[in-house]
Protein backbone atom coordinates (compact mmCIF):
# COMPACT_ATOMS: atom_id res chain seq x y z
CA MET A 1 140.76 109.41 87.08
CA ASP A 2 137.45 108.02 88.31
CA ALA A 3 137.17 104.42 87.21
CA GLY A 4 133.38 104.58 87.43
CA ARG A 5 131.35 101.40 87.79
CA GLU A 6 130.18 98.47 85.73
CA THR A 7 126.88 98.88 83.89
CA LEU A 8 124.36 96.16 83.08
CA SER A 9 125.97 95.73 79.64
CA GLY A 10 129.34 94.94 81.21
CA HIS A 11 130.96 98.27 80.18
CA ARG A 12 132.28 100.79 82.66
CA SER A 13 131.00 104.30 82.96
CA GLY A 14 132.21 107.43 84.69
CA SER A 15 130.69 108.40 88.03
CA GLY A 16 128.94 111.43 86.51
CA PHE A 17 127.15 109.25 83.99
CA ALA A 18 126.37 106.74 86.72
CA ARG A 19 124.66 109.41 88.80
CA GLY A 20 122.68 110.57 85.77
CA GLY A 21 121.90 106.99 84.84
CA SER A 22 120.62 106.35 88.34
CA ARG A 23 118.25 109.30 88.10
CA PHE A 24 117.06 108.11 84.69
CA PHE A 25 116.53 104.59 86.02
CA GLU A 26 114.44 105.92 88.94
CA PHE A 27 112.37 107.99 86.49
CA PHE A 28 111.93 104.95 84.24
CA ILE A 29 110.71 102.77 87.12
CA GLU A 30 108.28 105.46 88.32
CA SER A 31 106.96 105.91 84.77
CA ARG A 32 106.40 102.16 84.44
CA ARG A 33 104.44 102.14 87.69
CA THR A 34 102.21 104.86 86.30
CA ILE A 35 101.41 103.09 83.03
CA MET A 36 101.20 99.50 84.28
CA GLY A 37 97.79 98.11 85.12
CA ALA A 38 96.75 97.09 88.59
CA THR A 39 96.85 93.47 89.68
CA LEU A 40 94.35 91.63 91.86
CA THR A 41 95.67 88.61 93.75
CA LEU A 42 93.16 86.22 95.31
CA LEU A 43 94.29 85.33 98.82
CA GLY A 44 91.54 82.73 99.15
CA HIS A 45 87.82 83.00 99.92
CA SER A 46 86.90 86.70 99.37
CA SER A 47 90.25 88.21 100.31
CA PHE A 48 92.29 90.22 97.81
CA LEU A 49 95.61 91.99 97.57
CA VAL A 50 95.49 94.89 95.10
CA LYS A 51 98.70 96.35 93.66
CA THR A 52 97.90 99.55 91.82
CA GLY A 53 99.67 101.02 88.82
CA GLY A 54 100.70 103.91 91.06
CA GLY A 55 102.54 101.63 93.46
CA LYS A 56 99.94 101.31 96.23
CA THR A 57 99.15 98.13 98.15
CA ILE A 58 95.51 97.66 99.18
CA TYR A 59 93.85 94.78 101.02
CA ILE A 60 90.15 93.95 100.65
CA ASP A 61 88.49 91.75 103.32
CA PRO A 62 91.83 90.24 104.38
CA TRP A 63 91.86 86.76 105.95
CA LEU A 64 95.51 85.79 105.85
CA ASP A 65 95.17 82.88 108.25
CA GLY A 66 92.26 81.43 106.30
CA PRO A 67 92.49 77.78 105.22
CA THR A 68 93.07 78.57 101.55
CA CYS A 69 95.47 81.53 101.85
CA PRO A 70 98.86 80.55 100.39
CA GLU A 71 101.72 80.44 102.87
CA ARG A 72 103.68 83.17 101.10
CA PHE A 73 100.88 85.68 101.70
CA LYS A 74 100.31 84.94 105.40
CA THR A 75 102.86 87.56 106.45
CA PRO A 76 101.27 91.00 105.94
CA GLU A 77 102.77 93.30 103.34
CA LYS A 78 103.21 97.00 103.93
CA ALA A 79 99.78 98.41 103.09
CA ASN A 80 98.51 101.85 102.05
CA LEU A 81 94.82 101.07 102.58
CA ILE A 82 92.61 98.31 104.01
CA CYS A 83 89.00 97.96 102.81
CA VAL A 84 86.29 95.93 104.53
CA THR A 85 82.72 95.07 103.52
CA HIS A 86 81.24 93.65 106.75
CA GLY A 87 82.08 92.30 110.17
CA HIS A 88 82.09 88.51 109.81
CA PHE A 89 85.33 86.80 110.84
CA ASP A 90 86.16 85.55 107.34
CA HIS A 91 86.35 89.15 106.12
CA ILE A 92 88.04 91.01 109.00
CA ALA A 93 90.32 88.48 110.70
CA SER A 94 93.60 89.99 109.45
CA ILE A 95 92.73 93.69 109.44
CA LEU A 96 94.36 94.52 112.77
CA PRO A 97 97.50 92.40 112.18
CA ILE A 98 97.99 94.17 108.84
CA TYR A 99 97.36 97.52 110.52
CA GLU A 100 99.90 96.77 113.26
CA ASN A 101 102.47 95.96 110.58
CA SER A 102 101.81 99.16 108.61
CA PRO A 103 99.35 101.69 110.08
CA CYS A 104 97.11 103.04 107.31
CA PRO A 105 93.47 104.01 106.74
CA VAL A 106 90.80 101.34 107.23
CA ALA A 107 87.75 102.03 105.03
CA GLY A 108 84.33 100.47 105.52
CA PRO A 109 80.92 100.72 107.20
CA TYR A 110 80.82 103.34 109.97
CA GLU A 111 79.95 101.09 112.91
CA LEU A 112 82.37 98.35 111.91
CA VAL A 113 85.34 100.67 111.46
CA ASN A 114 84.64 102.21 114.87
CA LEU A 115 84.66 98.73 116.45
CA LEU A 116 87.96 97.90 114.74
CA ALA A 117 89.34 101.28 115.81
CA ASP A 118 88.45 100.61 119.44
CA ASP A 119 90.17 97.21 119.36
CA GLY A 120 93.20 98.40 117.42
CA ASN A 121 93.59 101.91 118.86
CA LEU A 122 93.29 103.51 115.45
CA PRO A 123 93.71 107.29 115.46
CA ASP A 124 91.00 109.41 113.86
CA GLU A 125 93.04 109.96 110.69
CA HIS A 126 93.01 106.21 110.02
CA LYS A 127 89.26 105.75 110.52
CA GLY A 128 87.77 105.56 107.04
CA LEU A 129 84.21 105.83 108.37
CA MET A 130 81.69 105.44 105.55
CA GLY A 131 78.03 104.90 104.69
CA LYS A 132 76.46 103.44 101.57
CA GLY A 133 76.62 105.81 98.63
CA GLY A 134 79.52 107.70 100.17
CA THR A 135 82.85 108.12 98.41
CA VAL A 136 86.12 108.88 100.17
CA ALA A 137 89.47 109.67 98.54
CA PHE A 138 92.56 108.03 99.98
CA GLY A 139 95.26 109.83 98.06
CA ASP A 140 94.57 109.22 94.38
CA VAL A 141 92.34 106.16 94.85
CA THR A 142 88.73 106.33 96.03
CA VAL A 143 86.39 103.96 97.82
CA THR A 144 82.61 104.03 97.39
CA LEU A 145 80.34 101.86 99.55
CA THR A 146 77.48 100.13 97.76
CA HIS A 147 74.49 98.09 98.88
CA ALA A 148 74.71 94.40 99.80
CA MET A 149 72.09 91.96 101.11
CA HIS A 150 73.56 90.02 104.00
CA SER A 151 74.17 90.49 107.74
CA SER A 152 77.04 91.90 109.77
CA SER A 153 78.17 91.28 113.33
CA TYR A 154 81.51 91.69 115.05
CA VAL A 155 83.73 88.72 115.82
CA ASP A 156 82.53 86.34 118.54
CA SER A 157 80.60 88.92 120.55
CA GLY A 158 77.91 89.28 117.90
CA THR A 159 77.97 93.06 118.39
CA TYR A 160 76.04 94.95 115.73
CA ALA A 161 78.54 96.08 113.10
CA GLY A 162 76.34 98.20 110.85
CA GLU A 163 74.88 97.11 107.55
CA PRO A 164 76.93 94.96 105.19
CA ALA A 165 78.22 96.61 102.04
CA GLY A 166 79.92 96.10 98.75
CA LEU A 167 82.48 98.56 97.47
CA ILE A 168 83.80 100.23 94.36
CA LEU A 169 87.55 100.81 94.37
CA THR A 170 88.52 103.42 91.77
CA LEU A 171 92.22 103.36 90.92
CA GLU A 172 94.61 106.08 89.79
CA ASP A 173 93.93 105.37 86.11
CA GLY A 174 90.14 105.42 86.58
CA LYS A 175 89.69 101.63 86.46
CA ARG A 176 86.96 100.41 88.82
CA ILE A 177 86.85 97.21 90.84
CA TYR A 178 83.50 96.12 92.30
CA HIS A 179 83.79 93.82 95.31
CA ALA A 180 80.22 92.75 96.06
CA GLY A 181 80.97 91.58 99.60
CA ASP A 182 78.64 88.85 100.80
CA THR A 183 75.28 89.25 99.09
CA ASN A 184 72.49 87.73 97.08
CA VAL A 185 71.45 89.21 93.76
CA PHE A 186 69.35 92.38 93.95
CA GLY A 187 67.73 94.58 91.33
CA ASP A 188 69.62 97.71 92.30
CA MET A 189 72.80 96.17 90.94
CA ALA A 190 71.51 97.93 87.82
CA LEU A 191 72.31 101.23 89.55
CA ILE A 192 75.85 100.04 90.24
CA ALA A 193 76.20 99.28 86.53
CA GLU A 194 74.75 102.65 85.54
CA LEU A 195 76.69 104.78 88.01
CA TYR A 196 80.06 103.03 88.10
CA ALA A 197 80.33 100.60 85.13
CA PRO A 198 82.96 98.48 86.90
CA ASP A 199 85.81 97.08 84.85
CA ILE A 200 85.94 93.92 86.95
CA CYS A 201 83.43 92.42 89.39
CA LEU A 202 84.26 90.12 92.29
CA LEU A 203 81.07 88.13 92.92
CA PRO A 204 80.31 85.45 95.53
CA ILE A 205 78.98 82.17 94.12
CA GLY A 206 79.27 79.63 96.95
CA SER A 207 75.60 79.52 98.06
CA ARG A 208 74.39 78.85 101.64
CA PHE A 209 75.51 82.29 102.92
CA THR A 210 75.60 84.22 99.62
CA MET A 211 74.47 83.95 96.01
CA ASP A 212 74.64 80.60 94.31
CA PRO A 213 75.83 80.23 90.69
CA ILE A 214 72.32 80.84 89.30
CA GLU A 215 71.89 84.13 91.19
CA ALA A 216 75.48 85.15 90.44
CA ALA A 217 74.84 84.68 86.71
CA LYS A 218 71.77 86.89 87.02
CA ALA A 219 73.96 89.44 88.81
CA CYS A 220 76.31 89.39 85.80
CA GLU A 221 73.35 90.18 83.58
CA ILE A 222 72.08 93.05 85.75
CA LEU A 223 75.58 94.49 86.19
CA GLN A 224 76.33 94.16 82.46
CA ALA A 225 79.55 92.71 83.77
CA LYS A 226 82.54 92.79 81.43
CA HIS A 227 84.85 90.68 83.57
CA VAL A 228 84.09 88.61 86.69
CA VAL A 229 86.18 86.73 89.23
CA PRO A 230 84.03 84.30 91.27
CA ILE A 231 84.72 84.41 95.02
CA HIS A 232 83.46 83.02 98.35
CA HIS A 233 83.53 79.40 97.17
CA SER A 234 85.47 76.18 97.84
CA THR A 235 86.56 77.25 101.35
CA PHE A 236 84.24 75.08 103.45
CA PRO A 237 82.06 72.06 102.56
CA PRO A 238 78.79 74.05 102.99
CA LEU A 239 79.82 76.33 100.09
CA THR A 240 78.56 74.08 97.33
CA GLY A 241 78.50 76.51 94.40
CA THR A 242 81.40 75.97 92.01
CA PRO A 243 83.07 78.06 89.30
CA ALA A 244 82.11 75.41 86.71
CA GLN A 245 78.44 75.74 87.64
CA PHE A 246 78.74 79.52 87.50
CA GLN A 247 80.33 79.41 84.05
CA GLU A 248 77.54 77.15 82.83
CA GLU A 249 74.83 79.49 84.16
CA VAL A 250 76.48 82.50 82.51
CA LYS A 251 76.63 80.55 79.25
CA LYS A 252 72.92 79.68 79.52
CA ARG A 253 72.11 83.39 79.66
CA GLY A 254 74.09 84.06 76.50
CA LEU A 255 76.32 86.61 78.23
CA SER A 256 79.68 87.73 76.86
CA THR A 257 81.12 88.21 80.36
CA GLN A 258 84.76 87.19 80.66
CA ILE A 259 85.13 84.87 83.65
CA THR A 260 88.52 84.41 85.28
CA VAL A 261 88.69 81.61 87.84
CA LEU A 262 91.61 82.25 90.17
CA GLU A 263 93.25 79.75 92.46
CA PRO A 264 94.48 81.29 95.73
CA GLY A 265 97.75 83.07 95.01
CA GLN A 266 96.95 83.72 91.35
CA GLU A 267 96.49 87.23 90.02
CA VAL A 268 94.63 89.00 87.25
CA GLU A 269 95.38 92.39 85.71
CA VAL A 270 92.67 95.04 85.74
């Protein structure tokens, strides 16, 4: 007689039931992945780790050796996709280390991805070469490049890396994340609102190199933003814009935007 094995309740079950139970458990876990929302974890600065409801791991502008990235996130996770907005060091520094750990598509501006591909020996199938307005499907998630007002050059060489961009990441359940990249406010954010109606917006507020809190609040208004996480602040002394100032400017405009201020390592559900 097969003695079976102990279940979570402490009872013993036959091996046939155990095999069936195992299949049911796997189905249950997969079903939970499908219905759970995605999570966005701030890795510091403008860097995010996205865990989708479908079980994918996506990095956006990864800078894992940045001064505010928590120690537990400095070792790259196995990734399914890496997204990048422009070529400045604080947005691309960890792309190739992540890629070396788990080769996967790298999506971003055409010239920049080609430069990364040359340095990292990326095969053609992993070059997510894109231009603004373009949408590319990576399995059942899509990336759309949007406009941004900034500059873009590659690492220390200063090589031209194409135009900077923002991006819309559309997840398996249709939820949309707008990462604005580095930018100031611009009127065509109204088109982003009209075309994509993002569920959550990741907006820089630090000033000096990007929008300050006043411009970021105006961006909330133009985007008709439902939910915003402020980014690109508190990393270096020159970034003087603060989340408190941003919240105050949003309040002055009478907006109903939900603002979630994340400390590095904290997450929010989409």
